[in-house]
């Protein structure tokens, strides 16, 4: 449970859900531990994040590589925006976005 998201705020069900399966918040693909990477839409401005959340069919902000690229490329009208964002996130937190087995 120590890796559960938001567990410290008393919402144990959130921790259980977050450690049981890791899914993309857009396509809902189950991500494979040690193989797939997941990206959180953090590091964007609050304004950009809210606009993306309002216009995209996103259940939550954890996205697979394909959805990260698709959403950000379309939003920023730049075919490399997703890759640039992923590179930036990988540089700042090299192991942070790897899906782990719990």
C-alpha atoms as a PDB file:
ATOM      1  CA  UNK A   1       0.000   0.000   0.000  1.00  0.00           C
ATOM      2  CA  UNK A   2       2.904   2.390   0.438  1.00  0.00           C
ATOM      3  CA  UNK A   3       2.836   3.164  -3.279  1.00  0.00           C
ATOM      4  CA  UNK A   4      -0.898   3.873  -3.291  1.00  0.00           C
ATOM      5  CA  UNK A   5      -1.987   7.255  -4.537  1.00  0.00           C
ATOM      6  CA  UNK A   6      -3.762   9.540  -2.056  1.00  0.00           C
ATOM      7  CA  UNK A   7      -3.654   6.899   0.667  1.00  0.00           C
ATOM      8  CA  UNK A   8      -2.458   9.429   3.229  1.00  0.00           C
ATOM      9  CA  UNK A   9      -5.684  11.415   2.920  1.00  0.00           C
ATOM     10  CA  UNK A  10      -7.704   8.523   4.338  1.00  0.00           C
ATOM     11  CA  UNK A  11      -9.240   7.297   1.108  1.00  0.00           C
ATOM     12  CA  UNK A  12      -8.104   3.701   1.275  1.00  0.00           C
ATOM     13  CA  UNK A  13     -10.294   2.697  -1.688  1.00  0.00           C
ATOM     14  CA  UNK A  14      -8.237   5.016  -3.903  1.00  0.00           C
ATOM     15  CA  UNK A  15      -5.027   3.329  -2.812  1.00  0.00           C
ATOM     16  CA  UNK A  16      -6.458  -0.126  -3.425  1.00  0.00           C
ATOM     17  CA  UNK A  17      -7.694   0.875  -6.874  1.00  0.00           C
ATOM     18  CA  UNK A  18      -4.408   2.504  -7.838  1.00  0.00           C
ATOM     19  CA  UNK A  19      -2.274  -0.478  -6.865  1.00  0.00           C
ATOM     20  CA  UNK A  20      -4.570  -3.171  -8.247  1.00  0.00           C
ATOM     21  CA  UNK A  21      -4.499  -2.183 -11.916  1.00  0.00           C
ATOM     22  CA  UNK A  22      -2.877   0.606 -13.813  1.00  0.00           C
ATOM     23  CA  UNK A  23      -4.959   1.871 -16.739  1.00  0.00           C
ATOM     24  CA  UNK A  24      -4.662   4.734 -19.147  1.00  0.00           C
ATOM     25  CA  UNK A  25      -7.152   7.451 -18.227  1.00  0.00           C
ATOM     26  CA  UNK A  26      -8.188   7.916 -21.844  1.00  0.00           C
ATOM     27  CA  UNK A  27      -8.168   4.592 -23.725  1.00  0.00           C
ATOM     28  CA  UNK A  28      -8.455   2.506 -20.510  1.00  0.00           C
ATOM     29  CA  UNK A  29      -5.789   0.084 -21.743  1.00  0.00           C
ATOM     30  CA  UNK A  30      -4.335  -1.998 -18.908  1.00  0.00           C
ATOM     31  CA  UNK A  31      -0.647  -1.135 -18.734  1.00  0.00           C
ATOM     32  CA  UNK A  32       1.865  -3.926 -18.251  1.00  0.00           C
ATOM     33  CA  UNK A  33       4.240  -3.653 -15.269  1.00  0.00           C
ATOM     34  CA  UNK A  34       7.858  -3.206 -16.313  1.00  0.00           C
ATOM     35  CA  UNK A  35       6.902  -2.723 -19.972  1.00  0.00           C
ATOM     36  CA  UNK A  36       4.590   0.263 -20.348  1.00  0.00           C
ATOM     37  CA  UNK A  37       5.036   3.793 -19.130  1.00  0.00           C
ATOM     38  CA  UNK A  38       2.348   6.094 -17.851  1.00  0.00           C
ATOM     39  CA  UNK A  39       2.480   9.872 -17.917  1.00  0.00           C
ATOM     40  CA  UNK A  40       0.688  12.247 -15.585  1.00  0.00           C
ATOM     41  CA  UNK A  41      -0.398  15.521 -17.118  1.00  0.00           C
ATOM     42  CA  UNK A  42       1.551  17.487 -14.546  1.00  0.00           C
ATOM     43  CA  UNK A  43       4.018  20.123 -15.559  1.00  0.00           C
ATOM     44  CA  UNK A  44       1.462  21.729 -17.845  1.00  0.00           C
ATOM     45  CA  UNK A  45       0.056  25.085 -16.857  1.00  0.00           C
ATOM     46  CA  UNK A  46      -3.179  24.885 -14.872  1.00  0.00           C
ATOM     47  CA  UNK A  47      -4.944  26.614 -17.738  1.00  0.00           C
ATOM     48  CA  UNK A  48      -3.713  24.066 -20.309  1.00  0.00           C
ATOM     49  CA  UNK A  49      -4.539  21.151 -18.025  1.00  0.00           C
ATOM     50  CA  UNK A  50      -8.091  22.407 -17.428  1.00  0.00           C
ATOM     51  CA  UNK A  51      -8.669  23.036 -21.133  1.00  0.00           C
ATOM     52  CA  UNK A  52      -7.428  19.554 -22.023  1.00  0.00           C
ATOM     53  CA  UNK A  53      -9.560  18.012 -19.275  1.00  0.00           C
ATOM     54  CA  UNK A  54     -12.635  19.883 -20.499  1.00  0.00           C
ATOM     55  CA  UNK A  55     -12.284  19.000 -24.166  1.00  0.00           C
ATOM     56  CA  UNK A  56     -10.858  15.489 -24.012  1.00  0.00           C
ATOM     57  CA  UNK A  57     -12.632  12.324 -23.024  1.00  0.00           C
ATOM     58  CA  UNK A  58     -10.207  11.671 -20.165  1.00  0.00           C
ATOM     59  CA  UNK A  59     -11.330   9.808 -17.040  1.00  0.00           C
ATOM     60  CA  UNK A  60      -8.200  10.824 -15.113  1.00  0.00           C
ATOM     61  CA  UNK A  61      -4.833  12.366 -15.881  1.00  0.00           C
ATOM     62  CA  UNK A  62      -2.729   9.181 -16.129  1.00  0.00           C
ATOM     63  CA  UNK A  63      -2.114   8.484 -19.823  1.00  0.00           C
ATOM     64  CA  UNK A  64      -0.274   5.846 -21.837  1.00  0.00           C
ATOM     65  CA  UNK A  65       2.397   6.922 -24.326  1.00  0.00           C
ATOM     66  CA  UNK A  66       0.030   6.830 -27.299  1.00  0.00           C
ATOM     67  CA  UNK A  67      -2.680   8.887 -25.593  1.00  0.00           C
ATOM     68  CA  UNK A  68      -0.148  11.373 -24.192  1.00  0.00           C
ATOM     69  CA  UNK A  69       1.131  11.987 -27.709  1.00  0.00           C
ATOM     70  CA  UNK A  70      -2.332  12.136 -29.261  1.00  0.00           C
ATOM     71  CA  UNK A  71      -3.804  14.538 -26.689  1.00  0.00           C
ATOM     72  CA  UNK A  72      -0.837  16.910 -26.506  1.00  0.00           C
ATOM     73  CA  UNK A  73      -0.092  16.904 -30.245  1.00  0.00           C
ATOM     74  CA  UNK A  74      -3.683  17.866 -31.006  1.00  0.00           C
ATOM     75  CA  UNK A  75      -3.981  20.421 -28.206  1.00  0.00           C
ATOM     76  CA  UNK A  76      -0.733  22.242 -29.024  1.00  0.00           C
ATOM     77  CA  UNK A  77      -1.064  21.778 -32.818  1.00  0.00           C
ATOM     78  CA  UNK A  78       2.440  20.315 -32.865  1.00  0.00           C
ATOM     79  CA  UNK A  79       3.130  16.759 -34.017  1.00  0.00           C
ATOM     80  CA  UNK A  80       6.047  16.533 -31.564  1.00  0.00           C
ATOM     81  CA  UNK A  81       4.421  18.045 -28.457  1.00  0.00           C
ATOM     82  CA  UNK A  82       3.756  14.669 -26.820  1.00  0.00           C
ATOM     83  CA  UNK A  83       7.300  13.461 -27.416  1.00  0.00           C
ATOM     84  CA  UNK A  84       8.750  16.724 -26.065  1.00  0.00           C
ATOM     85  CA  UNK A  85       6.588  16.450 -22.938  1.00  0.00           C
ATOM     86  CA  UNK A  86       7.556  12.805 -22.395  1.00  0.00           C
ATOM     87  CA  UNK A  87      11.250  13.631 -22.842  1.00  0.00           C
ATOM     88  CA  UNK A  88      10.930  16.457 -20.313  1.00  0.00           C
ATOM     89  CA  UNK A  89       9.164  14.183 -17.792  1.00  0.00           C
ATOM     90  CA  UNK A  90      11.671  11.344 -18.313  1.00  0.00           C
ATOM     91  CA  UNK A  91      14.574  13.745 -17.704  1.00  0.00           C
ATOM     92  CA  UNK A  92      13.093  15.181 -14.517  1.00  0.00           C
ATOM     93  CA  UNK A  93      11.837  11.841 -13.078  1.00  0.00           C
ATOM     94  CA  UNK A  94      13.571   8.977 -14.921  1.00  0.00           C
ATOM     95  CA  UNK A  95      11.830   6.132 -13.069  1.00  0.00           C
ATOM     96  CA  UNK A  96       8.718   7.924 -11.939  1.00  0.00           C
ATOM     97  CA  UNK A  97       6.485   7.036 -14.863  1.00  0.00           C
ATOM     98  CA  UNK A  98       7.317   3.353 -15.110  1.00  0.00           C
ATOM     99  CA  UNK A  99       4.431   1.054 -14.271  1.00  0.00           C
ATOM    100  CA  UNK A 100       5.491  -1.129 -11.356  1.00  0.00           C
ATOM    101  CA  UNK A 101       4.303  -4.515 -10.158  1.00  0.00           C
ATOM    102  CA  UNK A 102       2.847  -4.300  -6.652  1.00  0.00           C
END
